Amino acid sequence: MRYTGHMASPNRLIRFAIGDIVYSPFSNHSDVFVIESGYVIAFTYESTGKRRIHLIYGPGSYFPVLTTFKNTEQRASYEAISSMTITKYGREEFLQKLSSDLEFCNDILHRTVEQLAIFAERVIDLQATKLEDRLLESIRVLIKEHGTPANTGFRLPYKLKQHHFADMLGVERESITRALSRLKQKHLIAQDDTGIITIFS
């Protein structure tokens, strides 16, 4: 069960629109953000200038994970892919709450384990050599984390475009378009007019 208690007042809630940069390497690294609603992608830029998406965080997740617990370089940027509401904590305040609020601590521990599991699944994804298989597995991971029941399976609650998947898998957008088409032809996934993806159970 997700922690529902807050020491934050309502005016600490921050709202973002689709496409807003929520956090970047140039942000204040003493801040920690807990997602109340909506979804955000974490990405970095490769030496070629191409964007690489690493993870998608949803309600209950917090970021940035590494700089919250360790003084390290923050390389990832975070972009809203839906309307979002986030609670901002100072880093020291966040750590103090972890040490003084058992329910909050248990919830953050649970979310940390979930986020590490997603990292592990992404590593497994990289072992698949066929793009079609890698794409399907990436969709399955996202459905497992964020999916909601649909008539014939499970659907993502947000829209992902071809360039998002291309940035996740490190390939060209045209390759993703072809792979998505093959998955649809095999009736493994469907995509409605808004771009929302459903995976068949």
N, C-alpha and C. Protein backbone atom coordinates (compact mmCIF):
# COMPACT_ATOMS: atom_id res chain seq x y z
N MET A 1 0.85 -1.20 0.00
CA MET A 1 0.00 0.00 0.00
C MET A 1 0.88 1.24 0.00
N ARG A 2 0.53 2.19 -0.83
CA ARG A 2 1.31 3.40 -0.95
C ARG A 2 1.09 4.33 0.24
N TYR A 3 2.18 4.93 0.69
CA TYR A 3 2.13 5.90 1.79
C TYR A 3 1.25 7.08 1.40
N THR A 4 0.35 7.49 2.28
CA THR A 4 -0.55 8.60 1.97
C THR A 4 -0.36 9.80 2.88
N GLY A 5 0.46 9.65 3.92
CA GLY A 5 0.68 10.79 4.82
C GLY A 5 1.68 11.76 4.21
N HIS A 6 1.51 13.04 4.46
CA HIS A 6 2.41 14.05 3.92
C HIS A 6 2.77 15.05 5.00
N MET A 7 4.02 15.43 4.99
CA MET A 7 4.37 16.56 5.82
C MET A 7 4.36 17.82 4.96
N ALA A 8 4.08 17.63 3.68
CA ALA A 8 4.07 18.76 2.77
C ALA A 8 2.72 19.44 2.78
N SER A 9 2.73 20.76 2.75
CA SER A 9 1.49 21.50 2.62
C SER A 9 1.09 21.51 1.15
N PRO A 10 -0.19 21.78 0.84
CA PRO A 10 -0.63 21.78 -0.56
C PRO A 10 0.18 22.70 -1.46
N ASN A 11 0.72 23.78 -0.90
CA ASN A 11 1.46 24.69 -1.77
C ASN A 11 2.84 24.15 -2.14
N ARG A 12 3.20 22.95 -1.59
CA ARG A 12 4.45 22.32 -2.00
C ARG A 12 4.24 21.45 -3.23
N LEU A 13 3.00 21.19 -3.60
CA LEU A 13 2.71 20.41 -4.80
C LEU A 13 3.06 21.23 -6.03
N ILE A 14 3.73 20.58 -6.98
CA ILE A 14 4.13 21.23 -8.21
C ILE A 14 3.46 20.50 -9.37
N ARG A 15 2.89 21.25 -10.29
CA ARG A 15 2.21 20.65 -11.44
C ARG A 15 3.01 20.88 -12.72
N PHE A 16 3.02 19.86 -13.58
CA PHE A 16 3.73 19.94 -14.84
C PHE A 16 2.82 19.47 -15.96
N ALA A 17 3.05 20.00 -17.16
CA ALA A 17 2.31 19.59 -18.36
C ALA A 17 3.18 18.67 -19.20
N ILE A 18 2.56 17.98 -20.15
CA ILE A 18 3.29 17.10 -21.05
C ILE A 18 4.42 17.88 -21.72
N GLY A 19 5.61 17.29 -21.70
CA GLY A 19 6.77 17.92 -22.36
C GLY A 19 7.61 18.79 -21.45
N ASP A 20 7.10 19.12 -20.25
CA ASP A 20 7.89 19.93 -19.32
C ASP A 20 9.10 19.15 -18.81
N ILE A 21 10.23 19.81 -18.68
CA ILE A 21 11.40 19.22 -18.03
C ILE A 21 11.23 19.43 -16.53
N VAL A 22 11.12 18.31 -15.82
CA VAL A 22 10.86 18.36 -14.38
C VAL A 22 12.15 18.54 -13.60
N TYR A 23 13.23 17.93 -14.10
CA TYR A 23 14.50 17.93 -13.36
C TYR A 23 15.60 17.65 -14.37
N SER A 24 16.76 18.27 -14.19
CA SER A 24 17.87 18.07 -15.12
C SER A 24 19.19 18.16 -14.36
N PRO A 25 20.30 17.87 -15.03
CA PRO A 25 21.60 18.00 -14.35
C PRO A 25 21.88 19.41 -13.86
N PHE A 26 21.13 20.39 -14.35
CA PHE A 26 21.34 21.79 -13.95
C PHE A 26 20.40 22.20 -12.82
N SER A 27 19.57 21.24 -12.35
CA SER A 27 18.63 21.55 -11.27
C SER A 27 19.34 21.54 -9.92
N ASN A 28 18.59 21.96 -8.90
CA ASN A 28 19.10 21.93 -7.53
C ASN A 28 19.19 20.47 -7.06
N HIS A 29 20.40 19.96 -6.86
CA HIS A 29 20.58 18.55 -6.53
C HIS A 29 20.25 18.23 -5.08
N SER A 30 19.79 19.23 -4.32
CA SER A 30 19.40 18.95 -2.94
C SER A 30 17.90 18.68 -2.84
N ASP A 31 17.22 18.59 -3.99
CA ASP A 31 15.78 18.34 -3.99
C ASP A 31 15.47 16.89 -4.35
N VAL A 32 14.39 16.37 -3.76
CA VAL A 32 13.87 15.04 -4.06
C VAL A 32 12.41 15.20 -4.43
N PHE A 33 11.97 14.50 -5.47
CA PHE A 33 10.61 14.63 -5.95
C PHE A 33 9.87 13.31 -5.82
N VAL A 34 8.66 13.35 -5.26
CA VAL A 34 7.80 12.17 -5.16
C VAL A 34 6.60 12.41 -6.08
N ILE A 35 6.35 11.46 -6.98
CA ILE A 35 5.26 11.62 -7.95
C ILE A 35 3.93 11.28 -7.29
N GLU A 36 3.03 12.24 -7.30
CA GLU A 36 1.68 12.03 -6.77
C GLU A 36 0.75 11.50 -7.87
N SER A 37 0.88 12.04 -9.07
CA SER A 37 0.10 11.58 -10.21
C SER A 37 0.87 11.87 -11.49
N GLY A 38 0.65 11.03 -12.50
CA GLY A 38 1.29 11.24 -13.79
C GLY A 38 2.55 10.42 -13.96
N TYR A 39 3.24 10.65 -15.09
CA TYR A 39 4.39 9.83 -15.48
C TYR A 39 5.49 10.70 -16.06
N VAL A 40 6.74 10.27 -15.81
CA VAL A 40 7.91 11.02 -16.26
C VAL A 40 8.93 10.05 -16.83
N ILE A 41 9.63 10.45 -17.90
CA ILE A 41 10.71 9.64 -18.44
C ILE A 41 12.04 10.18 -17.94
N ALA A 42 12.96 9.26 -17.67
CA ALA A 42 14.33 9.63 -17.29
C ALA A 42 15.22 9.34 -18.50
N PHE A 43 15.97 10.35 -18.94
CA PHE A 43 16.79 10.15 -20.14
C PHE A 43 18.12 10.88 -20.01
N THR A 44 19.08 10.42 -20.80
CA THR A 44 20.37 11.09 -20.93
C THR A 44 20.66 11.27 -22.41
N TYR A 45 21.68 12.07 -22.70
CA TYR A 45 22.12 12.23 -24.09
C TYR A 45 23.42 11.49 -24.30
N GLU A 46 23.49 10.73 -25.41
CA GLU A 46 24.71 10.03 -25.76
C GLU A 46 25.69 11.01 -26.40
N SER A 47 26.92 10.55 -26.63
CA SER A 47 27.94 11.44 -27.20
C SER A 47 27.56 11.92 -28.59
N THR A 48 26.71 11.17 -29.28
CA THR A 48 26.26 11.56 -30.62
C THR A 48 25.17 12.62 -30.57
N GLY A 49 24.67 12.92 -29.36
CA GLY A 49 23.57 13.86 -29.21
C GLY A 49 22.21 13.19 -29.21
N LYS A 50 22.18 11.88 -29.45
CA LYS A 50 20.92 11.15 -29.45
C LYS A 50 20.44 10.93 -28.03
N ARG A 51 19.14 11.09 -27.82
CA ARG A 51 18.55 10.90 -26.50
C ARG A 51 18.34 9.42 -26.23
N ARG A 52 18.61 9.00 -24.98
CA ARG A 52 18.40 7.61 -24.57
C ARG A 52 17.50 7.58 -23.33
N ILE A 53 16.32 6.98 -23.46
CA ILE A 53 15.40 6.86 -22.34
C ILE A 53 15.76 5.62 -21.53
N HIS A 54 15.87 5.78 -20.22
CA HIS A 54 16.26 4.68 -19.35
C HIS A 54 15.07 4.08 -18.61
N LEU A 55 14.22 4.92 -18.07
CA LEU A 55 13.09 4.43 -17.27
C LEU A 55 11.91 5.37 -17.40
N ILE A 56 10.73 4.85 -17.05
CA ILE A 56 9.53 5.68 -16.91
C ILE A 56 9.04 5.49 -15.48
N TYR A 57 8.90 6.60 -14.76
CA TYR A 57 8.45 6.56 -13.37
C TYR A 57 6.99 6.98 -13.30
N GLY A 58 6.24 6.33 -12.38
CA GLY A 58 4.83 6.64 -12.19
C GLY A 58 4.51 7.02 -10.76
N PRO A 59 3.22 7.11 -10.43
CA PRO A 59 2.80 7.54 -9.09
C PRO A 59 3.45 6.71 -7.98
N GLY A 60 3.93 7.41 -6.95
CA GLY A 60 4.58 6.75 -5.82
C GLY A 60 6.09 6.67 -5.95
N SER A 61 6.61 6.78 -7.18
CA SER A 61 8.06 6.74 -7.39
C SER A 61 8.69 8.06 -6.98
N TYR A 62 9.97 8.03 -6.73
CA TYR A 62 10.70 9.25 -6.38
C TYR A 62 11.97 9.31 -7.21
N PHE A 63 12.48 10.50 -7.37
CA PHE A 63 13.73 10.69 -8.11
C PHE A 63 14.35 12.01 -7.68
N PRO A 64 15.66 12.19 -7.93
CA PRO A 64 16.61 11.24 -8.49
C PRO A 64 17.09 10.27 -7.40
N VAL A 65 17.17 9.00 -7.73
CA VAL A 65 17.48 7.99 -6.72
C VAL A 65 18.93 8.10 -6.25
N LEU A 66 19.88 8.16 -7.18
CA LEU A 66 21.30 8.10 -6.80
C LEU A 66 21.72 9.30 -5.97
N THR A 67 21.38 10.51 -6.42
CA THR A 67 21.85 11.70 -5.70
C THR A 67 21.10 11.92 -4.39
N THR A 68 20.01 11.19 -4.18
CA THR A 68 19.31 11.29 -2.90
C THR A 68 20.12 10.65 -1.78
N PHE A 69 20.81 9.56 -2.09
CA PHE A 69 21.51 8.80 -1.05
C PHE A 69 23.03 8.88 -1.16
N LYS A 70 23.52 9.43 -2.26
CA LYS A 70 24.97 9.45 -2.45
C LYS A 70 25.34 10.71 -3.22
N ASN A 71 26.43 11.34 -2.81
CA ASN A 71 26.91 12.51 -3.53
C ASN A 71 27.59 12.05 -4.82
N THR A 72 26.82 12.08 -5.89
CA THR A 72 27.32 11.62 -7.18
C THR A 72 26.81 12.54 -8.27
N GLU A 73 27.40 12.45 -9.43
CA GLU A 73 26.99 13.30 -10.54
C GLU A 73 25.60 12.91 -11.03
N GLN A 74 24.75 13.90 -11.23
CA GLN A 74 23.41 13.68 -11.76
C GLN A 74 23.45 13.92 -13.27
N ARG A 75 23.23 12.85 -14.06
CA ARG A 75 23.32 12.96 -15.51
C ARG A 75 21.96 12.95 -16.19
N ALA A 76 20.96 12.37 -15.55
CA ALA A 76 19.67 12.19 -16.21
C ALA A 76 18.80 13.44 -16.11
N SER A 77 18.01 13.64 -17.15
CA SER A 77 16.94 14.64 -17.13
C SER A 77 15.62 13.90 -17.07
N TYR A 78 14.58 14.59 -16.60
CA TYR A 78 13.26 13.97 -16.42
C TYR A 78 12.22 14.84 -17.12
N GLU A 79 11.45 14.21 -18.03
CA GLU A 79 10.46 14.93 -18.82
C GLU A 79 9.08 14.34 -18.60
N ALA A 80 8.10 15.18 -18.37
CA ALA A 80 6.73 14.71 -18.16
C ALA A 80 6.16 14.18 -19.47
N ILE A 81 5.57 12.97 -19.44
CA ILE A 81 4.89 12.45 -20.63
C ILE A 81 3.38 12.44 -20.41
N SER A 82 2.95 13.01 -19.30
CA SER A 82 1.53 13.23 -19.03
C SER A 82 1.46 14.43 -18.10
N SER A 83 0.25 14.89 -17.81
CA SER A 83 0.11 15.90 -16.76
C SER A 83 0.57 15.28 -15.45
N MET A 84 1.28 16.04 -14.64
CA MET A 84 1.88 15.50 -13.43
C MET A 84 1.66 16.40 -12.23
N THR A 85 1.59 15.77 -11.05
CA THR A 85 1.65 16.48 -9.78
C THR A 85 2.74 15.83 -8.94
N ILE A 86 3.65 16.65 -8.44
CA ILE A 86 4.82 16.16 -7.72
C ILE A 86 4.97 16.92 -6.40
N THR A 87 5.35 16.19 -5.35
CA THR A 87 5.70 16.83 -4.09
C THR A 87 7.22 16.95 -4.00
N LYS A 88 7.70 18.15 -3.71
CA LYS A 88 9.14 18.38 -3.61
C LYS A 88 9.56 18.43 -2.15
N TYR A 89 10.62 17.69 -1.84
CA TYR A 89 11.23 17.72 -0.51
C TYR A 89 12.68 18.17 -0.65
N GLY A 90 13.18 18.85 0.38
CA GLY A 90 14.61 19.05 0.46
C GLY A 90 15.26 17.71 0.77
N ARG A 91 16.48 17.49 0.26
CA ARG A 91 17.13 16.18 0.46
C ARG A 91 17.28 15.83 1.92
N GLU A 92 17.75 16.75 2.74
CA GLU A 92 17.93 16.47 4.16
C GLU A 92 16.59 16.22 4.84
N GLU A 93 15.57 16.95 4.43
CA GLU A 93 14.23 16.78 4.96
C GLU A 93 13.69 15.38 4.61
N PHE A 94 13.93 14.97 3.36
CA PHE A 94 13.50 13.65 2.89
C PHE A 94 14.18 12.54 3.70
N LEU A 95 15.50 12.67 3.89
CA LEU A 95 16.25 11.66 4.64
C LEU A 95 15.82 11.64 6.10
N GLN A 96 15.53 12.80 6.66
CA GLN A 96 15.06 12.87 8.05
C GLN A 96 13.71 12.16 8.17
N LYS A 97 12.83 12.33 7.20
CA LYS A 97 11.53 11.68 7.23
C LYS A 97 11.69 10.17 7.14
N LEU A 98 12.66 9.71 6.38
CA LEU A 98 12.93 8.27 6.29
C LEU A 98 13.31 7.70 7.65
N SER A 99 14.07 8.46 8.42
CA SER A 99 14.54 7.97 9.71
C SER A 99 13.53 8.12 10.83
N SER A 100 12.49 8.95 10.62
CA SER A 100 11.55 9.22 11.70
C SER A 100 10.13 8.70 11.45
N ASP A 101 9.83 8.33 10.20
CA ASP A 101 8.47 7.91 9.84
C ASP A 101 8.54 6.51 9.25
N LEU A 102 8.19 5.49 10.05
CA LEU A 102 8.35 4.10 9.63
C LEU A 102 7.51 3.78 8.40
N GLU A 103 6.28 4.26 8.35
CA GLU A 103 5.41 3.97 7.20
C GLU A 103 5.99 4.57 5.92
N PHE A 104 6.46 5.80 6.02
CA PHE A 104 7.07 6.46 4.87
C PHE A 104 8.33 5.71 4.44
N CYS A 105 9.13 5.29 5.41
CA CYS A 105 10.37 4.56 5.13
C CYS A 105 10.07 3.23 4.43
N ASN A 106 9.08 2.50 4.93
CA ASN A 106 8.72 1.22 4.31
C ASN A 106 8.25 1.40 2.88
N ASP A 107 7.48 2.48 2.65
CA ASP A 107 6.97 2.73 1.31
C ASP A 107 8.10 3.08 0.35
N ILE A 108 9.03 3.92 0.79
CA ILE A 108 10.15 4.29 -0.06
C ILE A 108 11.04 3.08 -0.34
N LEU A 109 11.24 2.23 0.67
CA LEU A 109 12.02 1.00 0.47
C LEU A 109 11.35 0.11 -0.58
N HIS A 110 10.03 -0.02 -0.46
CA HIS A 110 9.27 -0.82 -1.42
C HIS A 110 9.43 -0.25 -2.83
N ARG A 111 9.32 1.07 -2.97
CA ARG A 111 9.45 1.69 -4.28
C ARG A 111 10.87 1.55 -4.82
N THR A 112 11.88 1.62 -3.94
CA THR A 112 13.26 1.46 -4.37
C THR A 112 13.49 0.06 -4.93
N VAL A 113 12.97 -0.94 -4.23
CA VAL A 113 13.10 -2.33 -4.71
C VAL A 113 12.42 -2.48 -6.06
N GLU A 114 11.23 -1.89 -6.23
CA GLU A 114 10.53 -1.96 -7.50
C GLU A 114 11.35 -1.31 -8.62
N GLN A 115 11.95 -0.17 -8.33
CA GLN A 115 12.73 0.52 -9.34
C GLN A 115 13.98 -0.26 -9.70
N LEU A 116 14.61 -0.92 -8.72
CA LEU A 116 15.77 -1.77 -9.01
C LEU A 116 15.36 -2.97 -9.85
N ALA A 117 14.17 -3.51 -9.59
CA ALA A 117 13.68 -4.65 -10.38
C ALA A 117 13.47 -4.25 -11.84
N ILE A 118 13.01 -3.01 -12.05
CA ILE A 118 12.84 -2.53 -13.42
C ILE A 118 14.19 -2.41 -14.11
N PHE A 119 15.20 -1.90 -13.38
CA PHE A 119 16.55 -1.85 -13.93
C PHE A 119 17.00 -3.23 -14.37
N ALA A 120 16.78 -4.24 -13.50
CA ALA A 120 17.19 -5.61 -13.79
C ALA A 120 16.49 -6.14 -15.04
N GLU A 121 15.19 -5.86 -15.16
CA GLU A 121 14.45 -6.32 -16.33
C GLU A 121 14.94 -5.64 -17.60
N ARG A 122 15.34 -4.39 -17.50
CA ARG A 122 15.89 -3.70 -18.67
C ARG A 122 17.20 -4.34 -19.12
N VAL A 123 18.03 -4.79 -18.16
CA VAL A 123 19.27 -5.49 -18.51
C VAL A 123 18.95 -6.79 -19.25
N ILE A 124 17.93 -7.51 -18.77
CA ILE A 124 17.52 -8.75 -19.44
C ILE A 124 17.03 -8.44 -20.85
N ASP A 125 16.32 -7.33 -21.02
CA ASP A 125 15.83 -6.94 -22.35
C ASP A 125 16.97 -6.83 -23.35
N LEU A 126 18.10 -6.31 -22.88
CA LEU A 126 19.23 -6.07 -23.78
C LEU A 126 19.81 -7.37 -24.33
N GLN A 127 19.51 -8.50 -23.69
CA GLN A 127 20.04 -9.78 -24.14
C GLN A 127 19.31 -10.30 -25.38
N ALA A 128 18.12 -9.82 -25.61
CA ALA A 128 17.38 -10.20 -26.82
C ALA A 128 18.01 -9.48 -28.01
N THR A 129 18.21 -10.20 -29.10
CA THR A 129 18.88 -9.61 -30.25
C THR A 129 17.89 -9.12 -31.31
N LYS A 130 16.71 -9.72 -31.38
CA LYS A 130 15.72 -9.32 -32.38
C LYS A 130 14.96 -8.11 -31.87
N LEU A 131 14.92 -7.03 -32.66
CA LEU A 131 14.29 -5.79 -32.23
C LEU A 131 12.83 -6.01 -31.84
N GLU A 132 12.13 -6.81 -32.61
CA GLU A 132 10.72 -7.09 -32.33
C GLU A 132 10.55 -7.67 -30.93
N ASP A 133 11.44 -8.59 -30.54
CA ASP A 133 11.37 -9.21 -29.21
C ASP A 133 11.73 -8.19 -28.13
N ARG A 134 12.73 -7.38 -28.39
CA ARG A 134 13.14 -6.37 -27.41
C ARG A 134 12.02 -5.35 -27.18
N LEU A 135 11.37 -4.97 -28.27
CA LEU A 135 10.28 -4.00 -28.17
C LEU A 135 9.12 -4.59 -27.39
N LEU A 136 8.74 -5.82 -27.69
CA LEU A 136 7.62 -6.45 -26.99
C LEU A 136 7.93 -6.60 -25.51
N GLU A 137 9.17 -6.97 -25.18
CA GLU A 137 9.54 -7.13 -23.77
C GLU A 137 9.53 -5.78 -23.06
N SER A 138 9.96 -4.72 -23.74
CA SER A 138 9.93 -3.39 -23.14
C SER A 138 8.50 -2.98 -22.83
N ILE A 139 7.58 -3.26 -23.76
CA ILE A 139 6.17 -2.94 -23.54
C ILE A 139 5.63 -3.75 -22.37
N ARG A 140 6.01 -5.02 -22.28
CA ARG A 140 5.56 -5.87 -21.16
C ARG A 140 6.04 -5.33 -19.83
N VAL A 141 7.27 -4.85 -19.77
CA VAL A 141 7.80 -4.28 -18.53
C VAL A 141 7.00 -3.05 -18.13
N LEU A 142 6.70 -2.19 -19.10
CA LEU A 142 5.91 -0.99 -18.82
C LEU A 142 4.49 -1.34 -18.38
N ILE A 143 3.90 -2.35 -19.03
CA ILE A 143 2.56 -2.79 -18.66
C ILE A 143 2.56 -3.35 -17.25
N LYS A 144 3.59 -4.11 -16.92
CA LYS A 144 3.69 -4.70 -15.58
C LYS A 144 3.76 -3.62 -14.52
N GLU A 145 4.45 -2.53 -14.81
CA GLU A 145 4.64 -1.46 -13.84
C GLU A 145 3.45 -0.49 -13.81
N HIS A 146 2.92 -0.14 -14.99
CA HIS A 146 1.94 0.94 -15.06
C HIS A 146 0.60 0.54 -15.66
N GLY A 147 0.49 -0.68 -16.17
CA GLY A 147 -0.68 -1.07 -16.94
C GLY A 147 -1.98 -1.11 -16.15
N THR A 148 -3.08 -0.91 -16.87
CA THR A 148 -4.42 -1.01 -16.29
C THR A 148 -5.21 -2.03 -17.11
N PRO A 149 -6.16 -2.75 -16.48
CA PRO A 149 -6.93 -3.77 -17.21
C PRO A 149 -7.73 -3.17 -18.36
N ALA A 150 -7.79 -3.91 -19.46
CA ALA A 150 -8.61 -3.54 -20.61
C ALA A 150 -9.46 -4.75 -20.98
N ASN A 151 -10.34 -4.59 -21.95
CA ASN A 151 -11.25 -5.68 -22.32
C ASN A 151 -10.52 -6.95 -22.73
N THR A 152 -9.44 -6.80 -23.46
CA THR A 152 -8.73 -7.97 -24.00
C THR A 152 -7.33 -8.16 -23.43
N GLY A 153 -6.95 -7.35 -22.47
CA GLY A 153 -5.61 -7.46 -21.92
C GLY A 153 -5.32 -6.33 -20.96
N PHE A 154 -4.19 -5.65 -21.17
CA PHE A 154 -3.80 -4.53 -20.32
C PHE A 154 -3.31 -3.40 -21.20
N ARG A 155 -3.55 -2.16 -20.76
CA ARG A 155 -3.17 -1.00 -21.56
C ARG A 155 -2.32 -0.04 -20.75
N LEU A 156 -1.47 0.69 -21.46
CA LEU A 156 -0.68 1.74 -20.82
C LEU A 156 -1.56 2.95 -20.58
N PRO A 157 -1.35 3.67 -19.47
CA PRO A 157 -2.18 4.84 -19.17
C PRO A 157 -1.66 6.13 -19.82
N TYR A 158 -0.62 6.03 -20.63
CA TYR A 158 -0.06 7.20 -21.29
C TYR A 158 0.30 6.84 -22.72
N LYS A 159 0.49 7.85 -23.53
CA LYS A 159 0.81 7.65 -24.94
C LYS A 159 2.32 7.70 -25.14
N LEU A 160 2.84 6.67 -25.81
CA LEU A 160 4.24 6.67 -26.20
C LEU A 160 4.32 6.68 -27.72
N LYS A 161 5.18 7.52 -28.26
CA LYS A 161 5.34 7.61 -29.70
C LYS A 161 6.54 6.77 -30.13
N GLN A 162 6.67 6.61 -31.45
CA GLN A 162 7.78 5.81 -31.97
C GLN A 162 9.13 6.31 -31.48
N HIS A 163 9.28 7.63 -31.37
CA HIS A 163 10.59 8.16 -30.97
C HIS A 163 10.90 7.82 -29.51
N HIS A 164 9.86 7.64 -28.66
CA HIS A 164 10.12 7.22 -27.28
C HIS A 164 10.74 5.82 -27.28
N PHE A 165 10.12 4.89 -28.03
CA PHE A 165 10.65 3.53 -28.08
C PHE A 165 12.03 3.51 -28.74
N ALA A 166 12.22 4.33 -29.76
CA ALA A 166 13.53 4.41 -30.41
C ALA A 166 14.59 4.87 -29.42
N ASP A 167 14.23 5.85 -28.58
CA ASP A 167 15.18 6.35 -27.58
C ASP A 167 15.41 5.33 -26.47
N MET A 168 14.43 4.48 -26.20
CA MET A 168 14.61 3.43 -25.19
C MET A 168 15.58 2.36 -25.68
N LEU A 169 15.42 1.98 -26.94
CA LEU A 169 16.14 0.81 -27.46
C LEU A 169 17.36 1.17 -28.28
N GLY A 170 17.60 2.45 -28.48
CA GLY A 170 18.81 2.88 -29.19
C GLY A 170 18.81 2.55 -30.67
N VAL A 171 17.63 2.67 -31.30
CA VAL A 171 17.51 2.38 -32.73
C VAL A 171 16.83 3.56 -33.41
N GLU A 172 16.71 3.47 -34.74
CA GLU A 172 16.06 4.53 -35.49
C GLU A 172 14.54 4.38 -35.41
N ARG A 173 13.86 5.51 -35.55
CA ARG A 173 12.39 5.52 -35.44
C ARG A 173 11.74 4.62 -36.49
N GLU A 174 12.32 4.58 -37.70
CA GLU A 174 11.74 3.76 -38.76
C GLU A 174 11.76 2.28 -38.39
N SER A 175 12.80 1.84 -37.68
CA SER A 175 12.89 0.44 -37.25
C SER A 175 11.79 0.12 -36.25
N ILE A 176 11.49 1.07 -35.36
CA ILE A 176 10.41 0.88 -34.38
C ILE A 176 9.07 0.80 -35.10
N THR A 177 8.87 1.65 -36.10
CA THR A 177 7.61 1.64 -36.85
C THR A 177 7.38 0.26 -37.46
N ARG A 178 8.43 -0.32 -38.04
CA ARG A 178 8.30 -1.65 -38.65
C ARG A 178 8.05 -2.73 -37.59
N ALA A 179 8.76 -2.63 -36.46
CA ALA A 179 8.60 -3.63 -35.40
C ALA A 179 7.20 -3.56 -34.79
N LEU A 180 6.69 -2.35 -34.56
CA LEU A 180 5.34 -2.19 -34.04
C LEU A 180 4.32 -2.78 -35.01
N SER A 181 4.53 -2.54 -36.29
CA SER A 181 3.62 -3.07 -37.30
C SER A 181 3.59 -4.58 -37.27
N ARG A 182 4.75 -5.22 -37.12
CA ARG A 182 4.80 -6.69 -37.07
C ARG A 182 4.10 -7.21 -35.82
N LEU A 183 4.27 -6.55 -34.68
CA LEU A 183 3.61 -6.98 -33.45
C LEU A 183 2.09 -6.85 -33.57
N LYS A 184 1.64 -5.81 -34.26
CA LYS A 184 0.20 -5.65 -34.49
C LYS A 184 -0.32 -6.73 -35.42
N GLN A 185 0.43 -7.04 -36.46
CA GLN A 185 0.03 -8.07 -37.41
C GLN A 185 -0.09 -9.43 -36.75
N LYS A 186 0.75 -9.67 -35.75
CA LYS A 186 0.71 -10.94 -35.01
C LYS A 186 -0.33 -10.91 -33.89
N HIS A 187 -1.05 -9.78 -33.76
CA HIS A 187 -2.09 -9.62 -32.74
C HIS A 187 -1.55 -9.77 -31.32
N LEU A 188 -0.31 -9.30 -31.14
CA LEU A 188 0.29 -9.30 -29.80
C LEU A 188 -0.01 -7.99 -29.07
N ILE A 189 -0.14 -6.92 -29.85
CA ILE A 189 -0.47 -5.61 -29.29
C ILE A 189 -1.49 -4.93 -30.18
N ALA A 190 -2.11 -3.88 -29.66
CA ALA A 190 -2.97 -3.00 -30.46
C ALA A 190 -2.63 -1.57 -30.07
N GLN A 191 -2.95 -0.64 -30.94
CA GLN A 191 -2.68 0.77 -30.68
C GLN A 191 -3.87 1.57 -31.20
N ASP A 192 -4.51 2.34 -30.32
CA ASP A 192 -5.70 3.07 -30.76
C ASP A 192 -5.32 4.39 -31.43
N ASP A 193 -6.32 5.16 -31.81
CA ASP A 193 -6.08 6.39 -32.57
C ASP A 193 -5.29 7.42 -31.78
N THR A 194 -5.34 7.34 -30.46
CA THR A 194 -4.60 8.30 -29.62
C THR A 194 -3.16 7.86 -29.39
N GLY A 195 -2.82 6.63 -29.79
CA GLY A 195 -1.46 6.13 -29.58
C GLY A 195 -1.31 5.27 -28.34
N ILE A 196 -2.39 5.07 -27.58
CA ILE A 196 -2.33 4.23 -26.39
C ILE A 196 -2.17 2.78 -26.81
N ILE A 197 -1.23 2.08 -26.19
CA ILE A 197 -0.94 0.68 -26.53
C ILE A 197 -1.62 -0.27 -25.57
N THR A 198 -2.21 -1.34 -26.13
CA THR A 198 -2.77 -2.44 -25.35
C THR A 198 -2.00 -3.70 -25.71
N ILE A 199 -1.65 -4.50 -24.70
CA ILE A 199 -1.01 -5.78 -24.95
C ILE A 199 -2.02 -6.87 -24.60
N PHE A 200 -2.17 -7.84 -25.48
CA PHE A 200 -3.20 -8.86 -25.30
C PHE A 200 -2.73 -9.91 -24.31
N SER A 201 -3.64 -10.32 -23.42
CA SER A 201 -3.30 -11.32 -22.41
C SER A 201 -3.52 -12.72 -22.97
